[in-house]
Amino acid sequence: MLKFDIEQNFEESYLLADDEHTSYKLYKCVDEDGDVYLVKLWEKIFDQSVEEIWLQEIRQLIFLKNSPNAEKYLLIIDDAKEYEDCFVTTYKIKIDEIDYETFYKKNTNWNSKGKLRDKELRFKIWGNLKNIAEGLNLLHENGFLHSSINTKSIIVNIDDEIPSDCKLTG
């Protein structure tokens, strides 16, 4: 097995996307072909429970990947590998996709009272809520629960400075 090195694999095109979790780190990375990924990296520790949690998550994500319309409402697993020092799961995303919390920190007034009078914006908000509800429905239909729906677990597309195409992460 090779040691996984995010700096080597993605050269200078990576960014720590979320450092709040103690069990894993989440990076947004661009490979040499210009494809963008979220990379979830679980460091190996001597306790075997990390590997068991990682394997269970992979089984669930692969199961969900095969569900109809899953890619429309959920962030779908691209690949998973075990390395000498860590477990890695990758999710292919678009360049303009980020978690809602990061988006909101940069655009705190996107949903101000005046803007919410815009019919198109309200239509997008309701569409986003529908996507999240459909994602939850898909999870529930397959016997899964989402344990922590929050601003970090919702991925949004920000190509027009308004969040759209909301998807749930695992």
N, C-alpha and C. Protein backbone atom coordinates (compact mmCIF):
# COMPACT_ATOMS: atom_id res chain seq x y z
N MET A 1 0.83 -1.18 0.00
CA MET A 1 0.00 0.00 0.00
C MET A 1 0.87 1.25 0.00
N LEU A 2 0.42 2.25 -0.70
CA LEU A 2 1.12 3.51 -0.74
C LEU A 2 0.58 4.45 0.32
N LYS A 3 1.45 5.29 0.81
CA LYS A 3 1.02 6.31 1.76
C LYS A 3 0.28 7.40 0.98
N PHE A 4 -0.88 7.80 1.45
CA PHE A 4 -1.66 8.84 0.77
C PHE A 4 -1.15 10.21 1.21
N ASP A 5 -0.83 11.03 0.26
CA ASP A 5 -0.34 12.38 0.53
C ASP A 5 -1.16 13.35 -0.30
N ILE A 6 -2.07 14.07 0.36
CA ILE A 6 -2.97 14.96 -0.37
C ILE A 6 -2.19 16.04 -1.12
N GLU A 7 -1.08 16.50 -0.54
CA GLU A 7 -0.27 17.53 -1.19
C GLU A 7 0.36 17.02 -2.48
N GLN A 8 0.79 15.77 -2.47
CA GLN A 8 1.41 15.19 -3.66
C GLN A 8 0.35 14.85 -4.71
N ASN A 9 -0.76 14.26 -4.27
CA ASN A 9 -1.79 13.84 -5.21
C ASN A 9 -2.47 15.00 -5.91
N PHE A 10 -2.59 16.12 -5.23
CA PHE A 10 -3.31 17.26 -5.80
C PHE A 10 -2.44 18.50 -5.93
N GLU A 11 -1.13 18.36 -5.78
CA GLU A 11 -0.16 19.44 -5.88
C GLU A 11 -0.63 20.64 -5.07
N GLU A 12 -0.78 21.79 -5.69
CA GLU A 12 -1.18 22.99 -4.96
C GLU A 12 -2.69 23.21 -4.98
N SER A 13 -3.43 22.34 -5.64
CA SER A 13 -4.86 22.57 -5.85
C SER A 13 -5.71 21.84 -4.83
N TYR A 14 -5.52 22.15 -3.57
CA TYR A 14 -6.37 21.56 -2.54
C TYR A 14 -6.60 22.60 -1.45
N LEU A 15 -7.66 22.40 -0.71
CA LEU A 15 -8.05 23.36 0.31
C LEU A 15 -8.77 22.60 1.41
N LEU A 16 -8.39 22.83 2.66
CA LEU A 16 -9.07 22.19 3.77
C LEU A 16 -10.47 22.78 3.84
N ALA A 17 -11.48 21.96 3.56
CA ALA A 17 -12.85 22.45 3.47
C ALA A 17 -13.55 22.47 4.83
N ASP A 18 -13.12 21.59 5.73
CA ASP A 18 -13.81 21.50 7.01
C ASP A 18 -12.85 20.90 8.02
N ASP A 19 -12.52 21.65 9.06
CA ASP A 19 -11.60 21.12 10.07
C ASP A 19 -12.27 20.99 11.44
N GLU A 20 -13.59 20.96 11.46
CA GLU A 20 -14.32 20.86 12.72
C GLU A 20 -14.38 19.43 13.25
N HIS A 21 -14.25 18.46 12.37
CA HIS A 21 -14.39 17.07 12.78
C HIS A 21 -13.06 16.54 13.31
N THR A 22 -13.13 15.80 14.39
CA THR A 22 -11.91 15.21 14.94
C THR A 22 -11.61 13.86 14.31
N SER A 23 -12.61 13.19 13.76
CA SER A 23 -12.39 11.86 13.21
C SER A 23 -11.92 11.88 11.76
N TYR A 24 -12.17 12.95 11.02
CA TYR A 24 -11.73 13.01 9.63
C TYR A 24 -11.50 14.46 9.22
N LYS A 25 -10.81 14.62 8.07
CA LYS A 25 -10.61 15.93 7.47
C LYS A 25 -11.24 15.91 6.10
N LEU A 26 -11.78 17.04 5.68
CA LEU A 26 -12.44 17.15 4.40
C LEU A 26 -11.73 18.20 3.57
N TYR A 27 -11.32 17.82 2.35
CA TYR A 27 -10.60 18.71 1.46
C TYR A 27 -11.38 18.89 0.16
N LYS A 28 -11.26 20.06 -0.44
CA LYS A 28 -11.77 20.29 -1.79
C LYS A 28 -10.52 20.33 -2.67
N CYS A 29 -10.47 19.44 -3.67
CA CYS A 29 -9.25 19.26 -4.46
C CYS A 29 -9.55 19.28 -5.95
N VAL A 30 -8.56 19.71 -6.73
CA VAL A 30 -8.64 19.69 -8.18
C VAL A 30 -7.48 18.82 -8.68
N ASP A 31 -7.79 17.81 -9.51
CA ASP A 31 -6.72 16.95 -10.02
C ASP A 31 -6.12 17.53 -11.29
N GLU A 32 -5.15 16.82 -11.86
CA GLU A 32 -4.43 17.32 -13.03
C GLU A 32 -5.33 17.47 -14.26
N ASP A 33 -6.47 16.79 -14.29
CA ASP A 33 -7.41 16.90 -15.41
C ASP A 33 -8.44 18.01 -15.21
N GLY A 34 -8.37 18.69 -14.06
CA GLY A 34 -9.32 19.76 -13.76
C GLY A 34 -10.59 19.27 -13.09
N ASP A 35 -10.67 17.97 -12.78
CA ASP A 35 -11.84 17.44 -12.07
C ASP A 35 -11.75 17.83 -10.60
N VAL A 36 -12.91 18.16 -10.01
CA VAL A 36 -12.96 18.63 -8.63
C VAL A 36 -13.56 17.54 -7.74
N TYR A 37 -12.97 17.37 -6.57
CA TYR A 37 -13.40 16.34 -5.63
C TYR A 37 -13.47 16.90 -4.22
N LEU A 38 -14.37 16.34 -3.43
CA LEU A 38 -14.28 16.45 -1.99
C LEU A 38 -13.59 15.18 -1.55
N VAL A 39 -12.55 15.31 -0.77
CA VAL A 39 -11.78 14.17 -0.29
C VAL A 39 -11.93 14.10 1.22
N LYS A 40 -12.47 12.99 1.69
CA LYS A 40 -12.64 12.78 3.13
C LYS A 40 -11.54 11.83 3.57
N LEU A 41 -10.71 12.29 4.49
CA LEU A 41 -9.53 11.55 4.92
C LEU A 41 -9.64 11.20 6.40
N TRP A 42 -9.67 9.90 6.68
CA TRP A 42 -9.75 9.41 8.06
C TRP A 42 -8.36 8.90 8.42
N GLU A 43 -7.70 9.49 9.40
CA GLU A 43 -6.39 9.00 9.82
C GLU A 43 -6.56 7.69 10.56
N LYS A 44 -5.62 6.75 10.29
CA LYS A 44 -5.67 5.47 10.98
C LYS A 44 -5.17 5.65 12.40
N ILE A 45 -5.87 5.03 13.30
CA ILE A 45 -5.42 4.95 14.67
C ILE A 45 -5.45 3.48 15.06
N PHE A 46 -4.88 3.14 16.18
CA PHE A 46 -4.79 1.73 16.54
C PHE A 46 -6.13 1.11 16.85
N ASP A 47 -7.09 1.92 17.22
CA ASP A 47 -8.44 1.45 17.49
C ASP A 47 -9.10 1.06 16.16
N GLN A 48 -9.62 -0.15 16.07
CA GLN A 48 -10.19 -0.65 14.83
C GLN A 48 -11.54 -0.02 14.50
N SER A 49 -12.15 0.72 15.42
CA SER A 49 -13.47 1.27 15.19
C SER A 49 -13.50 2.27 14.03
N VAL A 50 -12.41 2.99 13.78
CA VAL A 50 -12.37 3.94 12.66
C VAL A 50 -12.54 3.18 11.34
N GLU A 51 -11.85 2.08 11.19
CA GLU A 51 -11.98 1.28 9.97
C GLU A 51 -13.40 0.74 9.83
N GLU A 52 -13.99 0.29 10.90
CA GLU A 52 -15.34 -0.25 10.84
C GLU A 52 -16.35 0.84 10.46
N ILE A 53 -16.20 2.02 11.02
CA ILE A 53 -17.10 3.14 10.67
C ILE A 53 -16.93 3.50 9.21
N TRP A 54 -15.67 3.59 8.75
CA TRP A 54 -15.37 3.92 7.34
C TRP A 54 -15.98 2.88 6.41
N LEU A 55 -15.80 1.59 6.71
CA LEU A 55 -16.34 0.52 5.86
C LEU A 55 -17.87 0.57 5.83
N GLN A 56 -18.49 0.80 6.99
CA GLN A 56 -19.95 0.89 7.03
C GLN A 56 -20.45 2.07 6.19
N GLU A 57 -19.76 3.19 6.29
CA GLU A 57 -20.15 4.36 5.50
C GLU A 57 -20.03 4.06 4.00
N ILE A 58 -18.96 3.39 3.61
CA ILE A 58 -18.77 3.05 2.19
C ILE A 58 -19.89 2.12 1.70
N ARG A 59 -20.21 1.11 2.50
CA ARG A 59 -21.29 0.19 2.10
C ARG A 59 -22.60 0.95 1.89
N GLN A 60 -22.92 1.85 2.80
CA GLN A 60 -24.15 2.62 2.68
C GLN A 60 -24.12 3.54 1.46
N LEU A 61 -22.99 4.20 1.23
CA LEU A 61 -22.87 5.12 0.10
C LEU A 61 -22.95 4.40 -1.24
N ILE A 62 -22.35 3.23 -1.32
CA ILE A 62 -22.42 2.45 -2.57
C ILE A 62 -23.84 1.96 -2.80
N PHE A 63 -24.51 1.52 -1.74
CA PHE A 63 -25.91 1.10 -1.85
C PHE A 63 -26.77 2.25 -2.37
N LEU A 64 -26.58 3.45 -1.78
CA LEU A 64 -27.37 4.61 -2.19
C LEU A 64 -27.02 5.07 -3.61
N LYS A 65 -25.78 4.89 -4.02
CA LYS A 65 -25.34 5.30 -5.36
C LYS A 65 -26.17 4.61 -6.44
N ASN A 66 -26.61 3.42 -6.16
CA ASN A 66 -27.37 2.64 -7.13
C ASN A 66 -28.87 2.92 -7.09
N SER A 67 -29.31 3.81 -6.22
CA SER A 67 -30.73 4.16 -6.14
C SER A 67 -31.07 5.16 -7.25
N PRO A 68 -32.26 5.03 -7.83
CA PRO A 68 -32.67 5.99 -8.87
C PRO A 68 -32.67 7.43 -8.35
N ASN A 69 -32.15 8.34 -9.14
CA ASN A 69 -32.10 9.78 -8.84
C ASN A 69 -31.21 10.16 -7.65
N ALA A 70 -30.41 9.25 -7.16
CA ALA A 70 -29.57 9.55 -6.00
C ALA A 70 -28.61 10.71 -6.29
N GLU A 71 -28.04 10.76 -7.48
CA GLU A 71 -27.08 11.82 -7.81
C GLU A 71 -27.73 13.20 -7.84
N LYS A 72 -29.05 13.24 -7.96
CA LYS A 72 -29.76 14.51 -8.00
C LYS A 72 -29.93 15.11 -6.61
N TYR A 73 -30.00 14.25 -5.59
CA TYR A 73 -30.33 14.71 -4.24
C TYR A 73 -29.24 14.44 -3.20
N LEU A 74 -28.30 13.56 -3.50
CA LEU A 74 -27.26 13.19 -2.54
C LEU A 74 -25.88 13.34 -3.17
N LEU A 75 -24.90 13.63 -2.34
CA LEU A 75 -23.52 13.63 -2.80
C LEU A 75 -23.08 12.18 -2.93
N ILE A 76 -22.71 11.77 -4.13
CA ILE A 76 -22.46 10.37 -4.44
C ILE A 76 -20.97 10.04 -4.35
N ILE A 77 -20.66 8.90 -3.76
CA ILE A 77 -19.28 8.45 -3.63
C ILE A 77 -18.67 8.20 -5.01
N ASP A 78 -17.43 8.59 -5.17
CA ASP A 78 -16.70 8.34 -6.41
C ASP A 78 -15.74 7.16 -6.22
N ASP A 79 -14.98 7.18 -5.13
CA ASP A 79 -13.98 6.14 -4.89
C ASP A 79 -13.66 6.08 -3.41
N ALA A 80 -13.10 4.96 -2.99
CA ALA A 80 -12.65 4.79 -1.60
C ALA A 80 -11.44 3.87 -1.62
N LYS A 81 -10.44 4.23 -0.82
CA LYS A 81 -9.22 3.41 -0.76
C LYS A 81 -8.65 3.44 0.64
N GLU A 82 -7.99 2.34 0.98
CA GLU A 82 -7.25 2.27 2.23
C GLU A 82 -5.78 2.44 1.92
N TYR A 83 -5.12 3.29 2.69
CA TYR A 83 -3.69 3.52 2.54
C TYR A 83 -3.00 3.13 3.84
N GLU A 84 -1.70 3.19 3.81
CA GLU A 84 -0.88 2.82 4.97
C GLU A 84 -1.25 3.60 6.22
N ASP A 85 -1.55 4.88 6.06
CA ASP A 85 -1.78 5.75 7.21
C ASP A 85 -3.20 6.31 7.31
N CYS A 86 -4.06 6.00 6.33
CA CYS A 86 -5.40 6.59 6.37
C CYS A 86 -6.37 5.85 5.47
N PHE A 87 -7.64 6.19 5.64
CA PHE A 87 -8.72 5.74 4.77
C PHE A 87 -9.20 6.97 4.01
N VAL A 88 -9.47 6.83 2.72
CA VAL A 88 -9.84 7.96 1.89
C VAL A 88 -11.12 7.65 1.12
N THR A 89 -12.06 8.60 1.13
CA THR A 89 -13.27 8.51 0.33
C THR A 89 -13.35 9.78 -0.51
N THR A 90 -13.63 9.63 -1.81
CA THR A 90 -13.71 10.81 -2.67
C THR A 90 -15.11 10.93 -3.26
N TYR A 91 -15.50 12.19 -3.48
CA TYR A 91 -16.79 12.53 -4.06
C TYR A 91 -16.53 13.53 -5.17
N LYS A 92 -16.93 13.22 -6.39
CA LYS A 92 -16.73 14.15 -7.50
C LYS A 92 -17.80 15.24 -7.42
N ILE A 93 -17.37 16.50 -7.52
CA ILE A 93 -18.29 17.63 -7.45
C ILE A 93 -17.98 18.59 -8.59
N LYS A 94 -18.79 19.61 -8.71
CA LYS A 94 -18.54 20.67 -9.69
C LYS A 94 -17.68 21.74 -9.04
N ILE A 95 -16.98 22.51 -9.84
CA ILE A 95 -16.09 23.55 -9.33
C ILE A 95 -16.83 24.56 -8.46
N ASP A 96 -18.10 24.82 -8.77
CA ASP A 96 -18.87 25.83 -8.05
C ASP A 96 -19.66 25.26 -6.87
N GLU A 97 -19.40 24.03 -6.48
CA GLU A 97 -20.14 23.44 -5.36
C GLU A 97 -19.32 23.55 -4.07
N ILE A 98 -19.99 24.03 -3.02
CA ILE A 98 -19.38 24.11 -1.69
C ILE A 98 -20.46 23.82 -0.66
N ASP A 99 -20.05 23.65 0.59
CA ASP A 99 -21.06 23.46 1.63
C ASP A 99 -21.74 24.79 1.91
N TYR A 100 -22.99 24.71 2.37
CA TYR A 100 -23.78 25.92 2.57
C TYR A 100 -23.14 26.85 3.60
N GLU A 101 -22.54 26.31 4.65
CA GLU A 101 -21.95 27.16 5.68
C GLU A 101 -20.84 28.05 5.11
N THR A 102 -19.97 27.48 4.29
CA THR A 102 -18.90 28.26 3.66
C THR A 102 -19.49 29.32 2.75
N PHE A 103 -20.50 28.96 1.98
CA PHE A 103 -21.17 29.93 1.11
C PHE A 103 -21.75 31.08 1.94
N TYR A 104 -22.45 30.74 3.02
CA TYR A 104 -23.13 31.77 3.81
C TYR A 104 -22.15 32.72 4.49
N LYS A 105 -20.99 32.21 4.92
CA LYS A 105 -19.98 33.07 5.55
C LYS A 105 -19.49 34.15 4.58
N LYS A 106 -19.46 33.81 3.29
CA LYS A 106 -19.00 34.77 2.28
C LYS A 106 -20.13 35.64 1.73
N ASN A 107 -21.38 35.20 1.90
CA ASN A 107 -22.55 35.90 1.33
C ASN A 107 -23.66 36.02 2.38
N THR A 108 -23.39 36.69 3.46
CA THR A 108 -24.34 36.73 4.57
C THR A 108 -25.66 37.41 4.23
N ASN A 109 -25.68 38.24 3.21
CA ASN A 109 -26.93 38.96 2.90
C ASN A 109 -27.62 38.45 1.65
N TRP A 110 -27.29 37.26 1.17
CA TRP A 110 -27.92 36.77 -0.07
C TRP A 110 -29.42 36.58 0.11
N ASN A 111 -29.87 36.33 1.34
CA ASN A 111 -31.29 36.08 1.58
C ASN A 111 -31.93 37.18 2.43
N SER A 112 -31.49 38.40 2.23
CA SER A 112 -32.05 39.52 3.00
C SER A 112 -33.51 39.75 2.62
N LYS A 113 -34.18 40.47 3.49
CA LYS A 113 -35.63 40.69 3.32
C LYS A 113 -35.97 41.28 1.95
N GLY A 114 -35.20 42.25 1.51
CA GLY A 114 -35.47 42.87 0.22
C GLY A 114 -35.31 41.91 -0.95
N LYS A 115 -34.29 41.08 -0.88
CA LYS A 115 -34.05 40.12 -1.96
C LYS A 115 -35.12 39.04 -2.00
N LEU A 116 -35.67 38.70 -0.84
CA LEU A 116 -36.67 37.64 -0.80
C LEU A 116 -37.98 38.03 -1.47
N ARG A 117 -38.12 39.28 -1.83
CA ARG A 117 -39.30 39.70 -2.58
C ARG A 117 -39.23 39.25 -4.03
N ASP A 118 -38.02 38.91 -4.46
CA ASP A 118 -37.81 38.45 -5.84
C ASP A 118 -38.41 37.05 -6.01
N LYS A 119 -39.35 36.94 -6.93
CA LYS A 119 -40.06 35.69 -7.18
C LYS A 119 -39.10 34.56 -7.58
N GLU A 120 -38.12 34.87 -8.43
CA GLU A 120 -37.16 33.85 -8.88
C GLU A 120 -36.34 33.30 -7.72
N LEU A 121 -35.93 34.17 -6.80
CA LEU A 121 -35.16 33.73 -5.64
C LEU A 121 -36.00 32.82 -4.75
N ARG A 122 -37.23 33.20 -4.50
CA ARG A 122 -38.12 32.36 -3.69
C ARG A 122 -38.34 31.01 -4.37
N PHE A 123 -38.48 31.01 -5.68
CA PHE A 123 -38.65 29.77 -6.42
C PHE A 123 -37.43 28.86 -6.23
N LYS A 124 -36.21 29.45 -6.27
CA LYS A 124 -34.99 28.66 -6.04
C LYS A 124 -34.93 28.11 -4.62
N ILE A 125 -35.33 28.92 -3.65
CA ILE A 125 -35.31 28.47 -2.26
C ILE A 125 -36.23 27.26 -2.08
N TRP A 126 -37.45 27.34 -2.62
CA TRP A 126 -38.38 26.22 -2.51
C TRP A 126 -37.86 24.99 -3.27
N GLY A 127 -37.20 25.22 -4.39
CA GLY A 127 -36.60 24.10 -5.12
C GLY A 127 -35.50 23.42 -4.31
N ASN A 128 -34.69 24.24 -3.61
CA ASN A 128 -33.64 23.69 -2.76
C ASN A 128 -34.22 22.88 -1.60
N LEU A 129 -35.28 23.42 -0.98
CA LEU A 129 -35.93 22.68 0.10
C LEU A 129 -36.51 21.36 -0.40
N LYS A 130 -37.06 21.38 -1.60
CA LYS A 130 -37.58 20.15 -2.20
C LYS A 130 -36.46 19.13 -2.40
N ASN A 131 -35.28 19.59 -2.89
CA ASN A 131 -34.15 18.68 -3.08
C ASN A 131 -33.72 18.03 -1.76
N ILE A 132 -33.66 18.83 -0.70
CA ILE A 132 -33.27 18.28 0.60
C ILE A 132 -34.32 17.27 1.07
N ALA A 133 -35.60 17.60 0.91
CA ALA A 133 -36.67 16.68 1.31
C ALA A 133 -36.61 15.39 0.49
N GLU A 134 -36.35 15.50 -0.81
CA GLU A 134 -36.24 14.31 -1.67
C GLU A 134 -35.03 13.46 -1.26
N GLY A 135 -33.93 14.12 -0.89
CA GLY A 135 -32.76 13.39 -0.42
C GLY A 135 -33.06 12.62 0.86
N LEU A 136 -33.76 13.28 1.78
CA LEU A 136 -34.16 12.60 3.02
C LEU A 136 -35.10 11.44 2.73
N ASN A 137 -36.03 11.66 1.82
CA ASN A 137 -36.97 10.60 1.44
C ASN A 137 -36.22 9.40 0.86
N LEU A 138 -35.23 9.67 0.01
CA LEU A 138 -34.43 8.60 -0.57
C LEU A 138 -33.68 7.81 0.51
N LEU A 139 -33.12 8.53 1.47
CA LEU A 139 -32.45 7.85 2.59
C LEU A 139 -33.43 6.98 3.37
N HIS A 140 -34.58 7.55 3.71
CA HIS A 140 -35.57 6.82 4.51
C HIS A 140 -36.13 5.61 3.76
N GLU A 141 -36.36 5.75 2.46
CA GLU A 141 -36.85 4.62 1.66
C GLU A 141 -35.88 3.45 1.68
N ASN A 142 -34.59 3.75 1.84
CA ASN A 142 -33.57 2.71 1.85
C ASN A 142 -33.14 2.32 3.27
N GLY A 143 -33.89 2.79 4.27
CA GLY A 143 -33.64 2.38 5.64
C GLY A 143 -32.52 3.13 6.34
N PHE A 144 -32.15 4.33 5.85
CA PHE A 144 -31.08 5.10 6.46
C PHE A 144 -31.63 6.37 7.09
N LEU A 145 -30.96 6.83 8.13
CA LEU A 145 -31.28 8.10 8.76
C LEU A 145 -30.10 9.04 8.58
N HIS A 146 -30.36 10.31 8.41
CA HIS A 146 -29.29 11.31 8.36
C HIS A 146 -29.17 11.86 9.77
N SER A 147 -28.03 11.63 10.42
CA SER A 147 -27.93 11.95 11.84
C SER A 147 -27.64 13.41 12.15
N SER A 148 -27.19 14.18 11.16
CA SER A 148 -26.84 15.57 11.49
C SER A 148 -27.03 16.49 10.29
N ILE A 149 -28.26 16.85 10.02
CA ILE A 149 -28.51 17.81 8.94
C ILE A 149 -28.19 19.19 9.48
N ASN A 150 -27.21 19.82 8.86
CA ASN A 150 -26.80 21.16 9.26
C ASN A 150 -26.21 21.87 8.04
N THR A 151 -25.68 23.06 8.23
CA THR A 151 -25.16 23.84 7.10
C THR A 151 -23.93 23.20 6.47
N LYS A 152 -23.22 22.34 7.20
CA LYS A 152 -22.05 21.65 6.65
C LYS A 152 -22.45 20.42 5.84
N SER A 153 -23.63 19.89 6.07
CA SER A 153 -24.03 18.66 5.39
C SER A 153 -24.89 18.91 4.16
N ILE A 154 -24.97 20.18 3.73
CA ILE A 154 -25.70 20.53 2.52
C ILE A 154 -24.73 21.16 1.54
N ILE A 155 -24.62 20.58 0.37
CA ILE A 155 -23.75 21.09 -0.69
C ILE A 155 -24.61 21.90 -1.65
N VAL A 156 -24.13 23.10 -2.00
CA VAL A 156 -24.88 23.97 -2.92
C VAL A 156 -24.01 24.35 -4.10
N ASN A 157 -24.65 24.61 -5.21
CA ASN A 157 -23.98 25.13 -6.40
C ASN A 157 -24.13 26.64 -6.36
N ILE A 158 -23.04 27.37 -6.54
CA ILE A 158 -23.09 28.83 -6.40
C ILE A 158 -22.68 29.54 -7.68
N ASP A 159 -22.95 28.95 -8.82
CA ASP A 159 -22.49 29.55 -10.07
C ASP A 159 -23.13 30.90 -10.37
N ASP A 160 -24.26 31.23 -9.75
CA ASP A 160 -24.87 32.54 -9.98
C ASP A 160 -25.02 33.33 -8.68
N GLU A 161 -24.17 33.06 -7.71
CA GLU A 161 -24.12 33.74 -6.41
C GLU A 161 -25.36 33.55 -5.56
N ILE A 162 -26.21 32.64 -5.97
CA ILE A 162 -27.37 32.25 -5.17
C ILE A 162 -27.30 30.73 -5.07
N PRO A 163 -27.41 30.17 -3.85
CA PRO A 163 -27.28 28.72 -3.74
C PRO A 163 -28.40 28.00 -4.51
N SER A 164 -28.03 26.96 -5.21
CA SER A 164 -29.02 26.17 -5.94
C SER A 164 -28.55 24.71 -5.97
N ASP A 165 -29.41 23.85 -6.46
CA ASP A 165 -29.09 22.43 -6.59
C ASP A 165 -28.57 21.81 -5.30
N CYS A 166 -29.27 22.04 -4.19
CA CYS A 166 -28.85 21.51 -2.90
C CYS A 166 -28.81 19.98 -2.91
N LYS A 167 -27.77 19.44 -2.27
CA LYS A 167 -27.63 18.00 -2.11
C LYS A 167 -27.19 17.72 -0.68
N LEU A 168 -27.61 16.59 -0.14
CA LEU A 168 -27.19 16.17 1.18
C LEU A 168 -25.91 15.36 1.09
N THR A 169 -25.03 15.55 2.06
CA THR A 169 -23.85 14.70 2.18
C THR A 169 -24.17 13.56 3.11
N GLY A 170 -23.29 12.59 3.17
CA GLY A 170 -23.51 11.41 4.01
C GLY A 170 -23.17 11.63 5.45
